[in-house]
Protein backbone atom coordinates (compact mmCIF):
# COMPACT_ATOMS: atom_id res chain seq x y z
CA UNK A 1 111.85 83.62 89.15
CA UNK A 2 111.25 83.45 92.91
CA UNK A 3 111.81 87.22 93.25
CA UNK A 4 109.26 87.91 90.49
CA UNK A 5 106.70 85.69 92.25
CA UNK A 6 107.31 87.48 95.55
CA UNK A 7 106.82 90.87 93.87
CA UNK A 8 103.58 89.66 92.24
CA UNK A 9 102.28 88.41 95.58
CA UNK A 10 103.16 91.73 97.22
CA UNK A 11 101.07 93.76 94.79
CA UNK A 12 97.57 94.41 96.04
CA UNK A 13 94.55 94.23 93.81
CA UNK A 14 92.26 97.16 93.25
CA UNK A 15 88.70 97.61 92.08
CA UNK A 16 88.21 98.94 88.55
CA UNK A 17 84.93 100.65 87.69
CA UNK A 18 84.03 101.50 84.08
CA UNK A 19 81.10 103.63 82.90
CA UNK A 20 80.47 105.81 79.84
CA UNK A 21 83.99 105.13 78.54
CA UNK A 22 85.70 106.25 81.76
CA UNK A 23 87.63 103.88 84.06
CA UNK A 24 88.25 104.61 87.74
CA UNK A 25 90.58 102.56 89.92
CA UNK A 26 89.90 102.34 93.65
CA UNK A 27 92.56 100.97 96.00
CA UNK A 28 90.24 98.74 98.02
CA UNK A 29 90.52 95.06 98.91
CA UNK A 30 86.93 94.87 100.17
CA UNK A 31 83.84 97.03 99.79
CA UNK A 32 80.10 97.13 100.33
CA UNK A 33 77.75 97.75 97.44
CA UNK A 34 74.50 99.33 98.64
CA UNK A 35 71.28 100.37 96.91
CA UNK A 36 67.58 100.92 97.47
CA UNK A 37 65.20 98.48 95.79
CA UNK A 38 63.29 100.33 93.06
CA UNK A 39 59.85 98.91 93.95
CA UNK A 40 59.96 98.05 97.65
CA UNK A 41 62.15 101.07 98.56
CA UNK A 42 64.16 99.08 101.11
CA UNK A 43 67.92 98.92 101.54
CA UNK A 44 70.02 96.09 100.12
CA UNK A 45 73.73 95.62 100.80
CA UNK A 46 76.37 93.22 99.56
CA UNK A 47 79.90 92.79 100.91
CA UNK A 48 82.49 92.05 98.21
CA UNK A 49 86.15 91.10 98.26
CA UNK A 50 88.60 91.83 95.42
CA UNK A 51 90.63 88.67 94.70
CA UNK A 52 93.00 87.47 91.99
CA UNK A 53 90.14 85.24 90.79
CA UNK A 54 87.73 88.16 90.44
CA UNK A 55 85.08 89.69 92.67
CA UNK A 56 83.86 87.47 95.48
CA UNK A 57 80.44 88.07 97.05
CA UNK A 58 80.98 87.45 100.76
CA UNK A 59 77.67 88.42 102.39
CA UNK A 60 74.30 89.88 101.40
CA UNK A 61 71.76 91.76 103.53
CA UNK A 62 68.27 93.11 102.92
CA UNK A 63 65.93 95.10 105.21
CA UNK A 64 62.75 93.40 103.99
CA UNK A 65 61.27 91.13 101.36
CA UNK A 66 58.90 91.16 98.42
CA UNK A 67 58.92 92.02 94.69
CA UNK A 68 61.70 89.64 93.70
CA UNK A 69 63.95 90.24 96.68
CA UNK A 70 63.03 87.44 99.02
CA UNK A 71 65.93 86.35 101.22
CA UNK A 72 66.93 82.69 100.75
CA UNK A 73 65.90 80.05 103.33
CA UNK A 74 69.35 80.15 105.01
CA UNK A 75 69.06 83.90 105.74
CA UNK A 76 68.98 84.92 109.39
CA UNK A 77 67.43 88.07 110.86
CA UNK A 78 70.21 90.07 112.59
CA UNK A 79 69.63 93.62 113.85
CA UNK A 80 66.72 94.16 111.44
CA UNK A 81 68.55 92.77 108.38
CA UNK A 82 68.07 89.40 106.70
CA UNK A 83 71.69 88.25 106.23
CA UNK A 84 73.21 85.30 104.37
CA UNK A 85 76.41 84.16 102.72
CA UNK A 86 75.84 83.45 99.02
CA UNK A 87 77.58 80.37 97.67
CA UNK A 88 79.02 81.39 94.31
CA UNK A 89 82.40 81.50 92.65
CA UNK A 90 84.28 84.76 92.18
CA UNK A 91 83.07 86.65 89.11
CA UNK A 92 85.44 88.26 86.61
CA UNK A 93 83.04 91.17 86.09
CA UNK A 94 79.81 92.49 87.60
CA UNK A 95 77.52 94.84 85.61
CA UNK A 96 75.44 97.41 87.50
CA UNK A 97 72.41 98.77 85.67
CA UNK A 98 70.47 101.81 86.82
CA UNK A 99 66.76 102.32 86.24
CA UNK A 100 66.79 105.75 87.84
CA UNK A 101 63.72 104.76 89.89
CA UNK A 102 65.42 104.34 93.26
CA UNK A 103 68.53 106.44 93.44
CA UNK A 104 72.06 105.32 92.75
CA UNK A 105 74.37 102.49 93.61
CA UNK A 106 76.59 103.38 96.56
CA UNK A 107 80.03 101.96 97.14
CA UNK A 108 81.27 101.92 100.73
CA UNK A 109 84.82 101.28 101.93
CA UNK A 110 86.82 102.32 104.98
CA UNK A 111 83.72 103.78 106.67
CA UNK A 112 82.77 106.09 103.77
CA UNK A 113 80.05 105.69 101.13
CA UNK A 114 79.91 107.42 97.75
CA UNK A 115 77.46 107.20 94.87
CA UNK A 116 78.84 106.10 91.52
CA UNK A 117 78.25 109.64 90.23
CA UNK A 118 80.43 111.01 93.05
CA UNK A 119 83.16 108.49 92.25
CA UNK A 120 83.14 109.27 88.51
CA UNK A 121 82.58 113.00 88.89
CA UNK A 122 79.57 113.08 86.56
CA UNK A 123 75.96 111.90 86.63
CA UNK A 124 75.89 108.20 85.76
CA UNK A 125 72.18 108.22 84.89
CA UNK A 126 71.18 105.04 83.05
CA UNK A 127 74.74 104.15 82.00
CA UNK A 128 75.81 100.64 82.94
CA UNK A 129 78.82 100.47 85.27
CA UNK A 130 81.03 97.40 85.33
CA UNK A 131 83.16 96.32 88.27
CA UNK A 132 86.19 94.04 88.07
CA UNK A 133 89.40 93.26 89.92
CA UNK A 134 92.43 95.04 88.47
CA UNK A 135 96.08 95.55 89.32
CA UNK A 136 97.03 99.02 90.60
């Protein structure tokens, strides 16, 4: 039993993305989700961690405010970004919609960013993409 527990602890979690019936697995423990607000046209970024309890939102940043994207009172302006640490529990799944009005979601890890269409290898368009923690 102890050996099985040690093996389970040694396995790293990955990020599973699903869209249009296709599932992609990315071997990342942490990533940044970035997008451009469809109305204000300013950048928004969120840092996420993949945990056994789900996806944990670690930090959020936005380059401006307005149209439903006001930073919370605890946000601090750092290098032109309003930054804060959201207080929420890890989520088992996060759904990403796409209006098509402001470009695509971008996922960044290890210094590289890719659109969801690049990750899946086809145009995502208005398809919903779900993110969740998964085992490799």
